[in-house]
Amino acid sequence: MADIVKVKKAFNLFSSNLGKELQIATLESLTGWKKSTINTYFNKKWKGQILTRERPGVFKVVMDAKMNFDNFFDLHTQVDKGVR
């Protein structure tokens, strides 16, 4: 299961940077995730819904301003919400 503390840090970073560009290094240092983990989340969970890739190492936050943490966290868990 996703580390809720790291997911919360990512959500807060994205929420406070809606419409702005973010360096992958910023996300790495804030969450403690490795670059490979961030790229996996981007490709499997965030692409188009949370972030877009602007250029290598740089993402743009496109997350809906109405998204709350519970919805964001649901993207990260592999366990069906009804089972949790």
PDB file of N, CA and C in Angstrom:
ATOM      1  N   MET A   1       0.852  -1.189   0.000  1.00  0.00           N
ATOM      2  CA  MET A   1       0.000   0.000   0.000  1.00  0.00           C
ATOM      3  C   MET A   1       0.889   1.241   0.000  1.00  0.00           C
ATOM      4  N   ALA A   2       0.427   2.269  -0.609  1.00  0.00           N
ATOM      5  CA  ALA A   2       1.185   3.515  -0.700  1.00  0.00           C
ATOM      6  C   ALA A   2       1.425   4.101   0.686  1.00  0.00           C
ATOM      7  N   ASP A   3       2.605   4.669   0.877  1.00  0.00           N
ATOM      8  CA  ASP A   3       2.933   5.332   2.139  1.00  0.00           C
ATOM      9  C   ASP A   3       2.116   6.620   2.213  1.00  0.00           C
ATOM     10  N   ILE A   4       1.151   6.650   3.129  1.00  0.00           N
ATOM     11  CA  ILE A   4       0.194   7.765   3.200  1.00  0.00           C
ATOM     12  C   ILE A   4       0.877   9.111   3.454  1.00  0.00           C
ATOM     13  N   VAL A   5       1.970   9.111   4.208  1.00  0.00           N
ATOM     14  CA  VAL A   5       2.671  10.371   4.496  1.00  0.00           C
ATOM     15  C   VAL A   5       3.276  10.941   3.212  1.00  0.00           C
ATOM     16  N   LYS A   6       3.899  10.080   2.417  1.00  0.00           N
ATOM     17  CA  LYS A   6       4.504  10.532   1.161  1.00  0.00           C
ATOM     18  C   LYS A   6       3.438  10.972   0.162  1.00  0.00           C
ATOM     19  N   VAL A   7       2.349  10.228   0.126  1.00  0.00           N
ATOM     20  CA  VAL A   7       1.250  10.581  -0.781  1.00  0.00           C
ATOM     21  C   VAL A   7       0.659  11.931  -0.379  1.00  0.00           C
ATOM     22  N   LYS A   8       0.518  12.166   0.919  1.00  0.00           N
ATOM     23  CA  LYS A   8      -0.006  13.446   1.419  1.00  0.00           C
ATOM     24  C   LYS A   8       0.929  14.594   1.031  1.00  0.00           C
ATOM     25  N   LYS A   9       2.241  14.368   1.142  1.00  0.00           N
ATOM     26  CA  LYS A   9       3.209  15.402   0.750  1.00  0.00           C
ATOM     27  C   LYS A   9       3.091  15.724  -0.737  1.00  0.00           C
ATOM     28  N   ALA A  10       2.947  14.682  -1.556  1.00  0.00           N
ATOM     29  CA  ALA A  10       2.791  14.901  -2.998  1.00  0.00           C
ATOM     30  C   ALA A  10       1.505  15.667  -3.286  1.00  0.00           C
ATOM     31  N   PHE A  11       0.411  15.261  -2.643  1.00  0.00           N
ATOM     32  CA  PHE A  11      -0.869  15.945  -2.846  1.00  0.00           C
ATOM     33  C   PHE A  11      -0.766  17.424  -2.470  1.00  0.00           C
ATOM     34  N   ASN A  12      -0.168  17.710  -1.330  1.00  0.00           N
ATOM     35  CA  ASN A  12      -0.028  19.105  -0.893  1.00  0.00           C
ATOM     36  C   ASN A  12       0.829  19.913  -1.865  1.00  0.00           C
ATOM     37  N   LEU A  13       1.897  19.300  -2.372  1.00  0.00           N
ATOM     38  CA  LEU A  13       2.747  19.983  -3.350  1.00  0.00           C
ATOM     39  C   LEU A  13       1.958  20.285  -4.622  1.00  0.00           C
ATOM     40  N   PHE A  14       1.226  19.305  -5.111  1.00  0.00           N
ATOM     41  CA  PHE A  14       0.441  19.508  -6.328  1.00  0.00           C
ATOM     42  C   PHE A  14      -0.665  20.543  -6.106  1.00  0.00           C
ATOM     43  N   SER A  15      -1.339  20.462  -4.976  1.00  0.00           N
ATOM     44  CA  SER A  15      -2.432  21.400  -4.669  1.00  0.00           C
ATOM     45  C   SER A  15      -1.955  22.842  -4.622  1.00  0.00           C
ATOM     46  N   SER A  16      -0.756  23.035  -4.111  1.00  0.00           N
ATOM     47  CA  SER A  16      -0.243  24.400  -3.975  1.00  0.00           C
ATOM     48  C   SER A  16       0.456  24.893  -5.242  1.00  0.00           C
ATOM     49  N   ASN A  17       0.519  24.041  -6.263  1.00  0.00           N
ATOM     50  CA  ASN A  17       1.186  24.426  -7.509  1.00  0.00           C
ATOM     51  C   ASN A  17       0.322  24.170  -8.741  1.00  0.00           C
ATOM     52  N   LEU A  18      -0.987  24.277  -8.594  1.00  0.00           N
ATOM     53  CA  LEU A  18      -1.892  24.047  -9.721  1.00  0.00           C
ATOM     54  C   LEU A  18      -1.535  24.964 -10.888  1.00  0.00           C
ATOM     55  N   GLY A  19      -1.389  24.368 -12.071  1.00  0.00           N
ATOM     56  CA  GLY A  19      -1.073  25.134 -13.272  1.00  0.00           C
ATOM     57  C   GLY A  19       0.386  25.515 -13.420  1.00  0.00           C
ATOM     58  N   LYS A  20       1.214  25.121 -12.469  1.00  0.00           N
ATOM     59  CA  LYS A  20       2.635  25.484 -12.497  1.00  0.00           C
ATOM     60  C   LYS A  20       3.497  24.279 -12.854  1.00  0.00           C
ATOM     61  N   GLU A  21       4.732  24.574 -13.234  1.00  0.00           N
ATOM     62  CA  GLU A  21       5.701  23.523 -13.524  1.00  0.00           C
ATOM     63  C   GLU A  21       6.422  23.114 -12.249  1.00  0.00           C
ATOM     64  N   LEU A  22       6.763  21.820 -12.173  1.00  0.00           N
ATOM     65  CA  LEU A  22       7.508  21.273 -11.042  1.00  0.00           C
ATOM     66  C   LEU A  22       8.678  20.449 -11.558  1.00  0.00           C
ATOM     67  N   GLN A  23       9.803  20.584 -10.909  1.00  0.00           N
ATOM     68  CA  GLN A  23      10.953  19.741 -11.204  1.00  0.00           C
ATOM     69  C   GLN A  23      10.756  18.392 -10.532  1.00  0.00           C
ATOM     70  N   ILE A  24      11.128  17.318 -11.215  1.00  0.00           N
ATOM     71  CA  ILE A  24      11.041  15.997 -10.612  1.00  0.00           C
ATOM     72  C   ILE A  24      11.907  15.935  -9.353  1.00  0.00           C
ATOM     73  N   ALA A  25      13.017  16.675  -9.335  1.00  0.00           N
ATOM     74  CA  ALA A  25      13.906  16.698  -8.167  1.00  0.00           C
ATOM     75  C   ALA A  25      13.198  17.256  -6.934  1.00  0.00           C
ATOM     76  N   THR A  26      12.299  18.208  -7.124  1.00  0.00           N
ATOM     77  CA  THR A  26      11.527  18.766  -6.006  1.00  0.00           C
ATOM     78  C   THR A  26      10.637  17.693  -5.403  1.00  0.00           C
ATOM     79  N   LEU A  27       9.973  16.943  -6.247  1.00  0.00           N
ATOM     80  CA  LEU A  27       9.103  15.863  -5.787  1.00  0.00           C
ATOM     81  C   LEU A  27       9.918  14.767  -5.100  1.00  0.00           C
ATOM     82  N   GLU A  28      11.090  14.467  -5.655  1.00  0.00           N
ATOM     83  CA  GLU A  28      11.988  13.477  -5.044  1.00  0.00           C
ATOM     84  C   GLU A  28      12.388  13.885  -3.634  1.00  0.00           C
ATOM     85  N   SER A  29      12.859  15.110  -3.490  1.00  0.00           N
ATOM     86  CA  SER A  29      13.360  15.551  -2.181  1.00  0.00           C
ATOM     87  C   SER A  29      12.242  15.700  -1.158  1.00  0.00           C
ATOM     88  N   LEU A  30      11.072  16.115  -1.592  1.00  0.00           N
ATOM     89  CA  LEU A  30       9.958  16.308  -0.665  1.00  0.00           C
ATOM     90  C   LEU A  30       9.382  14.981  -0.169  1.00  0.00           C
ATOM     91  N   THR A  31       9.221  14.026  -1.078  1.00  0.00           N
ATOM     92  CA  THR A  31       8.559  12.769  -0.715  1.00  0.00           C
ATOM     93  C   THR A  31       9.521  11.662  -0.306  1.00  0.00           C
ATOM     94  N   GLY A  32      10.750  11.732  -0.802  1.00  0.00           N
ATOM     95  CA  GLY A  32      11.688  10.638  -0.561  1.00  0.00           C
ATOM     96  C   GLY A  32      11.561   9.514  -1.576  1.00  0.00           C
ATOM     97  N   TRP A  33      10.651   9.678  -2.558  1.00  0.00           N
ATOM     98  CA  TRP A  33      10.520   8.681  -3.613  1.00  0.00           C
ATOM     99  C   TRP A  33      11.702   8.782  -4.562  1.00  0.00           C
ATOM    100  N   LYS A  34      12.115   7.653  -5.113  1.00  0.00           N
ATOM    101  CA  LYS A  34      13.152   7.640  -6.135  1.00  0.00           C
ATOM    102  C   LYS A  34      12.541   8.112  -7.457  1.00  0.00           C
ATOM    103  N   LYS A  35      13.415   8.557  -8.341  1.00  0.00           N
ATOM    104  CA  LYS A  35      12.957   9.024  -9.652  1.00  0.00           C
ATOM    105  C   LYS A  35      12.165   7.931 -10.373  1.00  0.00           C
ATOM    106  N   SER A  36      12.597   6.682 -10.236  1.00  0.00           N
ATOM    107  CA  SER A  36      11.892   5.578 -10.898  1.00  0.00           C
ATOM    108  C   SER A  36      10.474   5.409 -10.348  1.00  0.00           C
ATOM    109  N   THR A  37      10.300   5.619  -9.048  1.00  0.00           N
ATOM    110  CA  THR A  37       8.971   5.532  -8.432  1.00  0.00           C
ATOM    111  C   THR A  37       8.073   6.643  -8.962  1.00  0.00           C
ATOM    112  N   ILE A  38       8.608   7.845  -9.034  1.00  0.00           N
ATOM    113  CA  ILE A  38       7.844   8.987  -9.544  1.00  0.00           C
ATOM    114  C   ILE A  38       7.439   8.743 -10.996  1.00  0.00           C
ATOM    115  N   ASN A  39       8.361   8.234 -11.793  1.00  0.00           N
ATOM    116  CA  ASN A  39       8.036   7.951 -13.195  1.00  0.00           C
ATOM    117  C   ASN A  39       6.967   6.870 -13.313  1.00  0.00           C
ATOM    118  N   THR A  40       7.010   5.873 -12.424  1.00  0.00           N
ATOM    119  CA  THR A  40       5.976   4.837 -12.424  1.00  0.00           C
ATOM    120  C   THR A  40       4.624   5.437 -12.069  1.00  0.00           C
ATOM    121  N   TYR A  41       4.575   6.249 -11.003  1.00  0.00           N
ATOM    122  CA  TYR A  41       3.315   6.911 -10.645  1.00  0.00           C
ATOM    123  C   TYR A  41       2.819   7.779 -11.797  1.00  0.00           C
ATOM    124  N   PHE A  42       3.735   8.508 -12.428  1.00  0.00           N
ATOM    125  CA  PHE A  42       3.330   9.358 -13.543  1.00  0.00           C
ATOM    126  C   PHE A  42       2.684   8.519 -14.646  1.00  0.00           C
ATOM    127  N   ASN A  43       3.366   7.464 -15.058  1.00  0.00           N
ATOM    128  CA  ASN A  43       2.877   6.655 -16.179  1.00  0.00           C
ATOM    129  C   ASN A  43       1.618   5.863 -15.864  1.00  0.00           C
ATOM    130  N   LYS A  44       1.479   5.398 -14.623  1.00  0.00           N
ATOM    131  CA  LYS A  44       0.347   4.530 -14.281  1.00  0.00           C
ATOM    132  C   LYS A  44      -0.810   5.238 -13.585  1.00  0.00           C
ATOM    133  N   LYS A  45      -0.545   6.376 -12.942  1.00  0.00           N
ATOM    134  CA  LYS A  45      -1.579   6.995 -12.111  1.00  0.00           C
ATOM    135  C   LYS A  45      -1.866   8.461 -12.438  1.00  0.00           C
ATOM    136  N   TRP A  46      -0.830   9.231 -12.705  1.00  0.00           N
ATOM    137  CA  TRP A  46      -0.978  10.686 -12.777  1.00  0.00           C
ATOM    138  C   TRP A  46      -1.119  11.258 -14.180  1.00  0.00           C
ATOM    139  N   LYS A  47      -0.602  10.579 -15.178  1.00  0.00           N
ATOM    140  CA  LYS A  47      -0.496  11.112 -16.540  1.00  0.00           C
ATOM    141  C   LYS A  47      -1.831  11.649 -17.044  1.00  0.00           C
ATOM    142  N   GLY A  48      -1.861  12.934 -17.325  1.00  0.00           N
ATOM    143  CA  GLY A  48      -3.046  13.580 -17.874  1.00  0.00           C
ATOM    144  C   GLY A  48      -4.078  13.999 -16.844  1.00  0.00           C
ATOM    145  N   GLN A  49      -4.123  13.298 -15.720  1.00  0.00           N
ATOM    146  CA  GLN A  49      -5.108  13.603 -14.681  1.00  0.00           C
ATOM    147  C   GLN A  49      -4.523  14.490 -13.578  1.00  0.00           C
ATOM    148  N   ILE A  50      -3.248  14.291 -13.277  1.00  0.00           N
ATOM    149  CA  ILE A  50      -2.581  15.042 -12.216  1.00  0.00           C
ATOM    150  C   ILE A  50      -1.454  15.897 -12.796  1.00  0.00           C
ATOM    151  N   LEU A  51      -0.657  15.290 -13.666  1.00  0.00           N
ATOM    152  CA  LEU A  51       0.507  15.963 -14.248  1.00  0.00           C
ATOM    153  C   LEU A  51       0.587  15.713 -15.748  1.00  0.00           C
ATOM    154  N   THR A  52       1.271  16.620 -16.437  1.00  0.00           N
ATOM    155  CA  THR A  52       1.700  16.379 -17.811  1.00  0.00           C
ATOM    156  C   THR A  52       3.209  16.593 -17.836  1.00  0.00           C
ATOM    157  N   ARG A  53       3.886  15.902 -18.735  1.00  0.00           N
ATOM    158  CA  ARG A  53       5.339  16.072 -18.852  1.00  0.00           C
ATOM    159  C   ARG A  53       5.597  17.210 -19.836  1.00  0.00           C
ATOM    160  N   GLU A  54       6.255  18.240 -19.370  1.00  0.00           N
ATOM    161  CA  GLU A  54       6.569  19.395 -20.218  1.00  0.00           C
ATOM    162  C   GLU A  54       7.858  19.165 -20.995  1.00  0.00           C
ATOM    163  N   ARG A  55       8.848  18.608 -20.321  1.00  0.00           N
ATOM    164  CA  ARG A  55      10.145  18.270 -20.904  1.00  0.00           C
ATOM    165  C   ARG A  55      10.830  17.342 -19.903  1.00  0.00           C
ATOM    166  N   PRO A  56      11.937  16.733 -20.270  1.00  0.00           N
ATOM    167  CA  PRO A  56      12.580  15.803 -19.338  1.00  0.00           C
ATOM    168  C   PRO A  56      12.841  16.444 -17.964  1.00  0.00           C
ATOM    169  N   GLY A  57      12.356  15.778 -16.933  1.00  0.00           N
ATOM    170  CA  GLY A  57      12.574  16.250 -15.566  1.00  0.00           C
ATOM    171  C   GLY A  57      11.634  17.335 -15.090  1.00  0.00           C
ATOM    172  N   VAL A  58      10.679  17.739 -15.950  1.00  0.00           N
ATOM    173  CA  VAL A  58       9.762  18.823 -15.586  1.00  0.00           C
ATOM    174  C   VAL A  58       8.319  18.410 -15.906  1.00  0.00           C
ATOM    175  N   PHE A  59       7.467  18.529 -14.890  1.00  0.00           N
ATOM    176  CA  PHE A  59       6.044  18.245 -15.033  1.00  0.00           C
ATOM    177  C   PHE A  59       5.246  19.527 -14.848  1.00  0.00           C
ATOM    178  N   LYS A  60       4.036  19.539 -15.386  1.00  0.00           N
ATOM    179  CA  LYS A  60       3.092  20.621 -15.124  1.00  0.00           C
ATOM    180  C   LYS A  60       1.921  20.026 -14.356  1.00  0.00           C
ATOM    181  N   VAL A  61       1.496  20.708 -13.296  1.00  0.00           N
ATOM    182  CA  VAL A  61       0.384  20.230 -12.477  1.00  0.00           C
ATOM    183  C   VAL A  61      -0.926  20.610 -13.160  1.00  0.00           C
ATOM    184  N   VAL A  62      -1.706  19.594 -13.537  1.00  0.00           N
ATOM    185  CA  VAL A  62      -2.994  19.808 -14.201  1.00  0.00           C
ATOM    186  C   VAL A  62      -4.142  19.222 -13.369  1.00  0.00           C
ATOM    187  N   MET A  63      -3.852  18.897 -12.131  1.00  0.00           N
ATOM    188  CA  MET A  63      -4.843  18.313 -11.228  1.00  0.00           C
ATOM    189  C   MET A  63      -6.027  19.257 -11.065  1.00  0.00           C
ATOM    190  N   ASP A  64      -7.220  18.701 -11.046  1.00  0.00           N
ATOM    191  CA  ASP A  64      -8.437  19.478 -10.830  1.00  0.00           C
ATOM    192  C   ASP A  64      -8.384  20.104  -9.436  1.00  0.00           C
ATOM    193  N   ALA A  65      -8.656  21.382  -9.350  1.00  0.00           N
ATOM    194  CA  ALA A  65      -8.618  22.097  -8.068  1.00  0.00           C
ATOM    195  C   ALA A  65      -9.616  21.530  -7.064  1.00  0.00           C
ATOM    196  N   LYS A  66     -10.623  20.830  -7.551  1.00  0.00           N
ATOM    197  CA  LYS A  66     -11.635  20.253  -6.664  1.00  0.00           C
ATOM    198  C   LYS A  66     -11.228  18.889  -6.105  1.00  0.00           C
ATOM    199  N   MET A  67     -10.121  18.332  -6.595  1.00  0.00           N
ATOM    200  CA  MET A  67      -9.701  17.021  -6.105  1.00  0.00           C
ATOM    201  C   MET A  67      -9.312  17.123  -4.635  1.00  0.00           C
ATOM    202  N   ASN A  68      -9.810  16.185  -3.847  1.00  0.00           N
ATOM    203  CA  ASN A  68      -9.436  16.169  -2.430  1.00  0.00           C
ATOM    204  C   ASN A  68      -8.448  15.039  -2.180  1.00  0.00           C
ATOM    205  N   PHE A  69      -7.919  14.995  -0.960  1.00  0.00           N
ATOM    206  CA  PHE A  69      -6.895  14.004  -0.657  1.00  0.00           C
ATOM    207  C   PHE A  69      -7.421  12.579  -0.776  1.00  0.00           C
ATOM    208  N   ASP A  70      -8.639  12.333  -0.368  1.00  0.00           N
ATOM    209  CA  ASP A  70      -9.185  10.972  -0.446  1.00  0.00           C
ATOM    210  C   ASP A  70      -9.197  10.464  -1.889  1.00  0.00           C
ATOM    211  N   ASN A  71      -9.617  11.311  -2.815  1.00  0.00           N
ATOM    212  CA  ASN A  71      -9.616  10.919  -4.227  1.00  0.00           C
ATOM    213  C   ASN A  71      -8.197  10.694  -4.734  1.00  0.00           C
ATOM    214  N   PHE A  72      -7.294  11.576  -4.329  1.00  0.00           N
ATOM    215  CA  PHE A  72      -5.895  11.448  -4.734  1.00  0.00           C
ATOM    216  C   PHE A  72      -5.301  10.159  -4.175  1.00  0.00           C
ATOM    217  N   PHE A  73      -5.573   9.882  -2.909  1.00  0.00           N
ATOM    218  CA  PHE A  73      -5.046   8.671  -2.278  1.00  0.00           C
ATOM    219  C   PHE A  73      -5.575   7.417  -2.965  1.00  0.00           C
ATOM    220  N   ASP A  74      -6.822   7.457  -3.390  1.00  0.00           N
ATOM    221  CA  ASP A  74      -7.409   6.308  -4.090  1.00  0.00           C
ATOM    222  C   ASP A  74      -6.630   5.952  -5.358  1.00  0.00           C
ATOM    223  N   LEU A  75      -5.997   6.933  -5.983  1.00  0.00           N
ATOM    224  CA  LEU A  75      -5.172   6.658  -7.160  1.00  0.00           C
ATOM    225  C   LEU A  75      -3.957   5.804  -6.807  1.00  0.00           C
ATOM    226  N   HIS A  76      -3.514   5.886  -5.560  1.00  0.00           N
ATOM    227  CA  HIS A  76      -2.263   5.255  -5.146  1.00  0.00           C
ATOM    228  C   HIS A  76      -2.416   3.877  -4.543  1.00  0.00           C
ATOM    229  N   THR A  77      -3.587   3.526  -4.140  1.00  0.00           N
ATOM    230  CA  THR A  77      -3.759   2.238  -3.487  1.00  0.00           C
ATOM    231  C   THR A  77      -4.122   1.163  -4.498  1.00  0.00           C
ATOM    232  N   GLN A  78      -3.639  -0.032  -4.250  1.00  0.00           N
ATOM    233  CA  GLN A  78      -3.979  -1.165  -5.104  1.00  0.00           C
ATOM    234  C   GLN A  78      -5.125  -1.963  -4.497  1.00  0.00           C
ATOM    235  N   VAL A  79      -5.548  -1.563  -3.302  1.00  0.00           N
ATOM    236  CA  VAL A  79      -6.618  -2.260  -2.597  1.00  0.00           C
ATOM    237  C   VAL A  79      -7.939  -1.591  -2.938  1.00  0.00           C
ATOM    238  N   ASP A  80      -8.926  -2.371  -3.313  1.00  0.00           N
ATOM    239  CA  ASP A  80     -10.246  -1.842  -3.636  1.00  0.00           C
ATOM    240  C   ASP A  80     -10.806  -1.084  -2.437  1.00  0.00           C
ATOM    241  N   LYS A  81     -11.376   0.071  -2.692  1.00  0.00           N
ATOM    242  CA  LYS A  81     -11.894   0.929  -1.626  1.00  0.00           C
ATOM    243  C   LYS A  81     -12.888   0.190  -0.722  1.00  0.00           C
ATOM    244  N   GLY A  82     -13.679  -0.705  -1.267  1.00  0.00           N
ATOM    245  CA  GLY A  82     -14.646  -1.458  -0.480  1.00  0.00           C
ATOM    246  C   GLY A  82     -13.998  -2.421   0.501  1.00  0.00           C
ATOM    247  N   VAL A  83     -12.756  -2.797   0.244  1.00  0.00           N
ATOM    248  CA  VAL A  83     -12.034  -3.731   1.110  1.00  0.00           C
ATOM    249  C   VAL A  83     -11.311  -2.995   2.225  1.00  0.00           C
ATOM    250  N   ARG A  84     -10.960  -1.729   1.986  1.00  0.00           N
ATOM    251  CA  ARG A  84     -10.204  -0.962   2.990  1.00  0.00           C
ATOM    252  C   ARG A  84     -11.056  -0.600   4.165  1.00  0.00           C
TER     253      ARG A  84
END
